[in-house]
C-alpha atoms as a PDB file:
ATOM      1  CA  MET A   1       4.558  20.531   0.874  1.00  0.00           C
ATOM      2  CA  TRP A   2       2.775  21.042  -2.451  1.00  0.00           C
ATOM      3  CA  SER A   3       4.297  20.660  -5.868  1.00  0.00           C
ATOM      4  CA  ALA A   4       2.711  23.691  -7.459  1.00  0.00           C
ATOM      5  CA  PHE A   5       1.344  27.099  -6.586  1.00  0.00           C
ATOM      6  CA  LYS A   6      -1.951  28.099  -8.053  1.00  0.00           C
ATOM      7  CA  ARG A   7      -3.548  31.466  -7.359  1.00  0.00           C
ATOM      8  CA  SER A   8      -6.828  31.147  -5.492  1.00  0.00           C
ATOM      9  CA  LYS A   9      -9.921  33.234  -6.222  1.00  0.00           C
ATOM     10  CA  ASN A  10      -9.560  34.693  -2.707  1.00  0.00           C
ATOM     11  CA  VAL A  11      -6.089  36.064  -3.406  1.00  0.00           C
ATOM     12  CA  THR A  12      -5.803  39.508  -4.962  1.00  0.00           C
ATOM     13  CA  ASN A  13      -4.010  40.127  -8.247  1.00  0.00           C
ATOM     14  CA  GLU A  14      -1.502  42.401  -6.521  1.00  0.00           C
ATOM     15  CA  PRO A  15       2.107  41.289  -6.847  1.00  0.00           C
ATOM     16  CA  ALA A  16       3.004  38.857  -4.105  1.00  0.00           C
ATOM     17  CA  ALA A  17       5.796  39.699  -1.724  1.00  0.00           C
ATOM     18  CA  VAL A  18       7.782  36.611  -2.674  1.00  0.00           C
ATOM     19  CA  GLN A  19      11.224  36.251  -1.176  1.00  0.00           C
ATOM     20  CA  ILE A  20      13.898  34.028  -2.735  1.00  0.00           C
ATOM     21  CA  ILE A  21      16.602  32.784  -0.391  1.00  0.00           C
ATOM     22  CA  HIS A  22      19.888  31.779  -1.992  1.00  0.00           C
ATOM     23  CA  ASN A  23      22.356  29.161  -0.784  1.00  0.00           C
ATOM     24  CA  THR A  24      26.043  29.851  -0.179  1.00  0.00           C
ATOM     25  CA  GLU A  25      26.801  29.278  -3.875  1.00  0.00           C
ATOM     26  CA  GLY A  26      24.290  31.957  -4.865  1.00  0.00           C
ATOM     27  CA  SER A  27      21.694  29.552  -6.287  1.00  0.00           C
ATOM     28  CA  PRO A  28      18.027  29.822  -5.290  1.00  0.00           C
ATOM     29  CA  ALA A  29      17.355  27.444  -2.388  1.00  0.00           C
ATOM     30  CA  PHE A  30      14.003  28.504  -0.892  1.00  0.00           C
ATOM     31  CA  VAL A  31      11.000  30.632  -1.764  1.00  0.00           C
ATOM     32  CA  VAL A  32       8.978  32.376   0.908  1.00  0.00           C
ATOM     33  CA  ILE A  33       5.407  33.270  -0.018  1.00  0.00           C
ATOM     34  CA  PRO A  34       2.818  35.282   1.914  1.00  0.00           C
ATOM     35  CA  TYR A  35       0.937  33.201   4.469  1.00  0.00           C
ATOM     36  CA  GLU A  36      -2.440  33.958   2.837  1.00  0.00           C
ATOM     37  CA  HIS A  37      -1.168  32.419  -0.420  1.00  0.00           C
ATOM     38  CA  TYR A  38       0.054  29.366   1.462  1.00  0.00           C
ATOM     39  CA  LEU A  39      -3.365  28.941   3.080  1.00  0.00           C
ATOM     40  CA  ALA A  40      -5.131  29.428  -0.263  1.00  0.00           C
ATOM     41  CA  GLN A  41      -3.142  26.632  -1.870  1.00  0.00           C
ATOM     42  CA  GLN A  42      -3.843  24.298   1.043  1.00  0.00           C
ATOM     43  CA  ASN A  43      -7.535  24.550   0.263  1.00  0.00           C
ATOM     44  CA  ASP A  44      -7.186  24.165  -3.508  1.00  0.00           C
ATOM     45  CA  PRO A  45      -8.705  20.764  -4.374  1.00  0.00           C
ATOM     46  CA  ASN A  46      -6.808  20.601  -7.672  1.00  0.00           C
ATOM     47  CA  LEU A  47      -3.280  20.627  -6.278  1.00  0.00           C
ATOM     48  CA  VAL A  48      -1.250  17.463  -5.832  1.00  0.00           C
ATOM     49  CA  PRO A  49       0.930  16.920  -2.737  1.00  0.00           C
ATOM     50  CA  HIS A  50       4.678  16.813  -3.270  1.00  0.00           C
ATOM     51  CA  ALA A  51       4.811  13.255  -1.897  1.00  0.00           C
ATOM     52  CA  VAL A  52       2.496  12.079  -4.692  1.00  0.00           C
ATOM     53  CA  VAL A  53       4.545  13.849  -7.361  1.00  0.00           C
ATOM     54  CA  SER A  54       7.730  12.318  -5.939  1.00  0.00           C
ATOM     55  CA  ARG A  55       6.268   8.821  -6.231  1.00  0.00           C
ATOM     56  CA  LEU A  56       5.289   9.561  -9.848  1.00  0.00           C
ATOM     57  CA  VAL A  57       8.867  10.586 -10.586  1.00  0.00           C
ATOM     58  CA  ASP A  58       9.995   7.296  -9.019  1.00  0.00           C
ATOM     59  CA  GLY A  59       7.776   5.420 -11.510  1.00  0.00           C
ATOM     60  CA  ALA A  60       4.511   4.826  -9.633  1.00  0.00           C
ATOM     61  CA  THR A  61       1.200   5.291 -11.422  1.00  0.00           C
ATOM     62  CA  PRO A  62      -1.012   8.165 -10.194  1.00  0.00           C
ATOM     63  CA  ILE A  63      -3.432   5.703  -8.561  1.00  0.00           C
ATOM     64  CA  ARG A  64      -0.676   3.893  -6.681  1.00  0.00           C
ATOM     65  CA  ALA A  65       1.041   7.150  -5.671  1.00  0.00           C
ATOM     66  CA  TRP A  66      -2.197   8.528  -4.211  1.00  0.00           C
ATOM     67  CA  ARG A  67      -3.084   5.231  -2.483  1.00  0.00           C
ATOM     68  CA  GLU A  68       0.310   5.102  -0.807  1.00  0.00           C
ATOM     69  CA  HIS A  69       0.151   8.799   0.121  1.00  0.00           C
ATOM     70  CA  LEU A  70      -3.235   8.266   1.758  1.00  0.00           C
ATOM     71  CA  GLY A  71      -1.916   5.232   3.660  1.00  0.00           C
ATOM     72  CA  LEU A  72      -4.476   2.852   2.177  1.00  0.00           C
ATOM     73  CA  THR A  73      -4.008  -0.797   1.276  1.00  0.00           C
ATOM     74  CA  GLN A  74      -5.218  -2.277  -1.979  1.00  0.00           C
ATOM     75  CA  GLU A  75      -7.749  -4.272   0.051  1.00  0.00           C
ATOM     76  CA  GLU A  76      -9.158  -1.120   1.645  1.00  0.00           C
ATOM     77  CA  VAL A  77      -9.569   0.658  -1.687  1.00  0.00           C
ATOM     78  CA  ALA A  78     -11.036  -2.446  -3.324  1.00  0.00           C
ATOM     79  CA  GLY A  79     -13.574  -2.651  -0.508  1.00  0.00           C
ATOM     80  CA  ARG A  80     -14.583   0.971  -1.045  1.00  0.00           C
ATOM     81  CA  LEU A  81     -15.018   0.235  -4.758  1.00  0.00           C
ATOM     82  CA  GLY A  82     -16.891  -3.030  -4.205  1.00  0.00           C
ATOM     83  CA  ILE A  83     -14.349  -5.080  -6.175  1.00  0.00           C
ATOM     84  CA  SER A  84     -11.703  -7.661  -5.291  1.00  0.00           C
ATOM     85  CA  GLN A  85      -8.150  -6.742  -4.345  1.00  0.00           C
ATOM     86  CA  SER A  86      -6.817  -8.406  -7.485  1.00  0.00           C
ATOM     87  CA  GLU A  87      -9.205  -6.377  -9.676  1.00  0.00           C
ATOM     88  CA  PHE A  88      -8.008  -3.173  -8.039  1.00  0.00           C
ATOM     89  CA  ALA A  89      -4.362  -4.248  -8.391  1.00  0.00           C
ATOM     90  CA  GLN A  90      -4.926  -4.513 -12.149  1.00  0.00           C
ATOM     91  CA  GLN A  91      -6.406  -0.998 -12.259  1.00  0.00           C
ATOM     92  CA  GLU A  92      -3.571   0.401 -10.178  1.00  0.00           C
ATOM     93  CA  VAL A  93      -0.887  -0.493 -12.737  1.00  0.00           C
ATOM     94  CA  VAL A  94      -2.630   1.253 -15.648  1.00  0.00           C
ATOM     95  CA  SER A  95      -0.868   4.552 -16.315  1.00  0.00           C
ATOM     96  CA  LYS A  96      -3.854   6.235 -18.037  1.00  0.00           C
ATOM     97  CA  PRO A  97      -7.118   4.654 -16.835  1.00  0.00           C
ATOM     98  CA  ARG A  98     -10.449   5.554 -18.400  1.00  0.00           C
ATOM     99  CA  ARG A  99     -12.200   8.662 -17.137  1.00  0.00           C
ATOM    100  CA  THR A 100     -14.975   6.687 -15.441  1.00  0.00           C
ATOM    101  CA  THR A 101     -12.394   4.536 -13.654  1.00  0.00           C
ATOM    102  CA  ARG A 102     -10.488   7.636 -12.490  1.00  0.00           C
ATOM    103  CA  GLU A 103     -13.709   9.169 -11.204  1.00  0.00           C
ATOM    104  CA  LYS A 104     -14.651   6.064  -9.197  1.00  0.00           C
ATOM    105  CA  ILE A 105     -11.185   5.686  -7.699  1.00  0.00           C
ATOM    106  CA  ALA A 106     -10.948   9.402  -6.926  1.00  0.00           C
ATOM    107  CA  LYS A 107     -14.235   9.186  -5.057  1.00  0.00           C
ATOM    108  CA  ALA A 108     -12.908   6.182  -3.089  1.00  0.00           C
ATOM    109  CA  PHE A 109      -9.791   8.238  -2.243  1.00  0.00           C
ATOM    110  CA  GLY A 110     -11.783  11.363  -1.354  1.00  0.00           C
ATOM    111  CA  ILE A 111     -10.023  13.500  -3.969  1.00  0.00           C
ATOM    112  CA  ASN A 112     -10.973  15.163  -7.273  1.00  0.00           C
ATOM    113  CA  ALA A 113     -10.643  13.027 -10.388  1.00  0.00           C
ATOM    114  CA  ILE A 114      -8.509  15.732 -11.961  1.00  0.00           C
ATOM    115  CA  GLN A 115      -5.856  14.973  -9.337  1.00  0.00           C
ATOM    116  CA  LEU A 116      -5.408  11.525 -10.919  1.00  0.00           C
ATOM    117  CA  GLU A 117      -4.807  13.015 -14.377  1.00  0.00           C
ATOM    118  CA  LEU A 118      -1.045  13.292 -14.123  1.00  0.00           C
END
């Protein structure tokens, strides 16, 4: 599940056949989107998975939320970065790391640096 919908270049500008399903109280409960739009958002490298956003809401930093989502340990990420686990642990608690730090960690995670800018 993804936290946001972003129109892909491959999707036309025609109005989407979006369906809103209401619960028994009449409040919106679900949104159904065309399958092609769903597929387009799956391939969008700038979107952030719902699980990551949920961890951010719970108070995790973007780096920690992504690391946990990817199922990586601090030791594994530190190894990919060529630093010690304790050095990475210090970087993981910073809420707004420097751009160069975000870029290095994003590369170690296999994601775009923009996905750490939350």
